[in-house]
């Protein structure tokens, strides 16, 4: 989950989701890679939004749409990586934990539309 940086908090997820050590290591590696990609896309979105006057030109709106698609694909790719690393049964256990315990706390910032 974004914002969790302490070892204790990460181990809490491991314990609460009943992950093995290998699953925790895989999840941490995949999450680190995701965060890197997400940060790069977020920086591009923020830069585009900050450098352009409102209403946003059509070219900037298209760039934002492309970046949004890249972000969505990044999420899908990393979910698939976790699914592959865990296998379908263990992935469903993790997915149920995330949906119950983490997803309700997630806040999504909108991308500027105009």
Protein backbone atom coordinates (compact mmCIF):
# COMPACT_ATOMS: atom_id res chain seq x y z
CA UNK A 1 0.00 0.00 0.00
CA UNK A 2 1.26 3.40 -0.84
CA UNK A 3 2.64 5.30 2.11
CA UNK A 4 3.68 2.24 4.10
CA UNK A 5 7.39 2.61 4.63
CA UNK A 6 8.20 0.98 7.94
CA UNK A 7 9.23 -2.62 8.26
CA UNK A 8 6.72 -3.14 11.05
CA UNK A 9 3.83 -1.99 8.86
CA UNK A 10 4.95 -4.19 5.98
CA UNK A 11 5.22 -7.18 8.30
CA UNK A 12 1.73 -6.39 9.57
CA UNK A 13 0.45 -6.86 6.02
CA UNK A 14 2.40 -10.12 5.81
CA UNK A 15 0.88 -11.32 9.06
CA UNK A 16 -2.65 -10.05 8.41
CA UNK A 17 -2.73 -11.48 4.87
CA UNK A 18 -0.98 -14.66 6.07
CA UNK A 19 1.80 -14.38 3.49
CA UNK A 20 4.80 -16.68 3.47
CA UNK A 21 8.30 -15.19 3.58
CA UNK A 22 8.69 -15.90 -0.15
CA UNK A 23 5.35 -14.24 -0.95
CA UNK A 24 6.29 -11.22 1.13
CA UNK A 25 9.62 -10.93 -0.69
CA UNK A 26 7.91 -11.20 -4.08
CA UNK A 27 5.27 -8.67 -3.11
CA UNK A 28 7.90 -6.22 -1.86
CA UNK A 29 9.95 -6.52 -5.06
CA UNK A 30 6.93 -6.11 -7.33
CA UNK A 31 5.66 -3.19 -5.23
CA UNK A 32 9.02 -1.42 -5.40
CA UNK A 33 9.06 -1.76 -9.18
CA UNK A 34 5.47 -0.50 -9.37
CA UNK A 35 6.22 2.52 -7.20
CA UNK A 36 9.13 3.49 -9.43
CA UNK A 37 6.99 3.34 -12.57
CA UNK A 38 4.08 5.09 -10.90
CA UNK A 39 6.31 7.91 -9.65
CA UNK A 40 7.64 8.51 -13.17
CA UNK A 41 4.14 8.67 -14.66
CA UNK A 42 2.83 10.83 -11.82
CA UNK A 43 5.70 13.27 -12.28
CA UNK A 44 4.88 13.60 -15.99
CA UNK A 45 1.20 14.17 -15.24
CA UNK A 46 1.96 16.77 -12.59
CA UNK A 47 4.42 18.57 -14.85
CA UNK A 48 1.98 18.70 -17.75
CA UNK A 49 -0.84 19.95 -15.54
CA UNK A 50 1.33 22.60 -13.86
CA UNK A 51 2.93 23.95 -17.04
CA UNK A 52 -0.26 24.51 -19.00
CA UNK A 53 -2.93 27.14 -18.62
CA UNK A 54 -6.58 26.23 -18.27
CA UNK A 55 -8.40 25.18 -20.29
CA UNK A 56 -5.81 22.59 -21.24
CA UNK A 57 -4.97 22.43 -24.95
CA UNK A 58 -6.17 19.35 -26.83
CA UNK A 59 -2.61 18.09 -27.22
CA UNK A 60 -2.06 18.22 -23.45
CA UNK A 61 -5.39 16.49 -22.80
CA UNK A 62 -4.30 13.73 -25.19
CA UNK A 63 -0.94 13.42 -23.43
CA UNK A 64 -2.75 13.15 -20.10
CA UNK A 65 -5.05 10.49 -21.53
CA UNK A 66 -2.04 8.54 -22.79
CA UNK A 67 -0.33 8.80 -19.41
CA UNK A 68 -3.53 7.65 -17.71
CA UNK A 69 -3.61 4.61 -20.00
CA UNK A 70 0.05 3.92 -19.18
CA UNK A 71 -0.74 4.17 -15.47
CA UNK A 72 -3.69 1.81 -15.83
CA UNK A 73 -1.53 -0.66 -17.77
CA UNK A 74 1.20 -0.39 -15.12
CA UNK A 75 -1.35 -1.35 -12.46
CA UNK A 76 -2.67 -4.27 -14.53
CA UNK A 77 0.84 -5.53 -15.31
CA UNK A 78 1.89 -5.49 -11.68
CA UNK A 79 -1.30 -7.19 -10.52
CA UNK A 80 -0.55 -9.91 -13.09
CA UNK A 81 3.01 -10.19 -11.79
CA UNK A 82 1.68 -10.74 -8.28
CA UNK A 83 -0.84 -13.28 -9.58
CA UNK A 84 1.95 -15.15 -11.36
CA UNK A 85 4.26 -15.04 -8.33
CA UNK A 86 1.60 -16.21 -5.89
CA UNK A 87 -0.41 -18.58 -8.06
CA UNK A 88 -4.18 -18.30 -8.43
CA UNK A 89 -5.20 -19.68 -5.03
CA UNK A 90 -2.80 -17.59 -2.93
CA UNK A 91 -3.46 -14.57 -5.13
CA UNK A 92 -7.17 -14.82 -4.29
CA UNK A 93 -6.30 -14.85 -0.58
CA UNK A 94 -4.21 -11.69 -0.99
CA UNK A 95 -6.86 -10.08 -3.19
CA UNK A 96 -9.56 -10.72 -0.59
CA UNK A 97 -7.34 -9.19 2.11
CA UNK A 98 -6.59 -6.11 -0.02
CA UNK A 99 -10.24 -5.56 -0.91
CA UNK A 100 -11.33 -5.89 2.71
CA UNK A 101 -8.53 -4.15 4.58
CA UNK A 102 -6.67 -1.81 2.24
CA UNK A 103 -8.92 -0.76 -0.63
CA UNK A 104 -11.45 1.06 1.59
CA UNK A 105 -8.61 3.35 2.76
CA UNK A 106 -7.30 4.24 -0.72
CA UNK A 107 -7.91 7.73 -2.04
CA UNK A 108 -7.45 8.42 -5.75
CA UNK A 109 -6.57 11.91 -6.90
CA UNK A 110 -8.25 12.92 -10.16
CA UNK A 111 -6.24 13.93 -13.21
CA UNK A 112 -7.06 17.47 -14.44
CA UNK A 113 -9.61 17.31 -17.25
CA UNK A 114 -9.49 20.87 -18.52
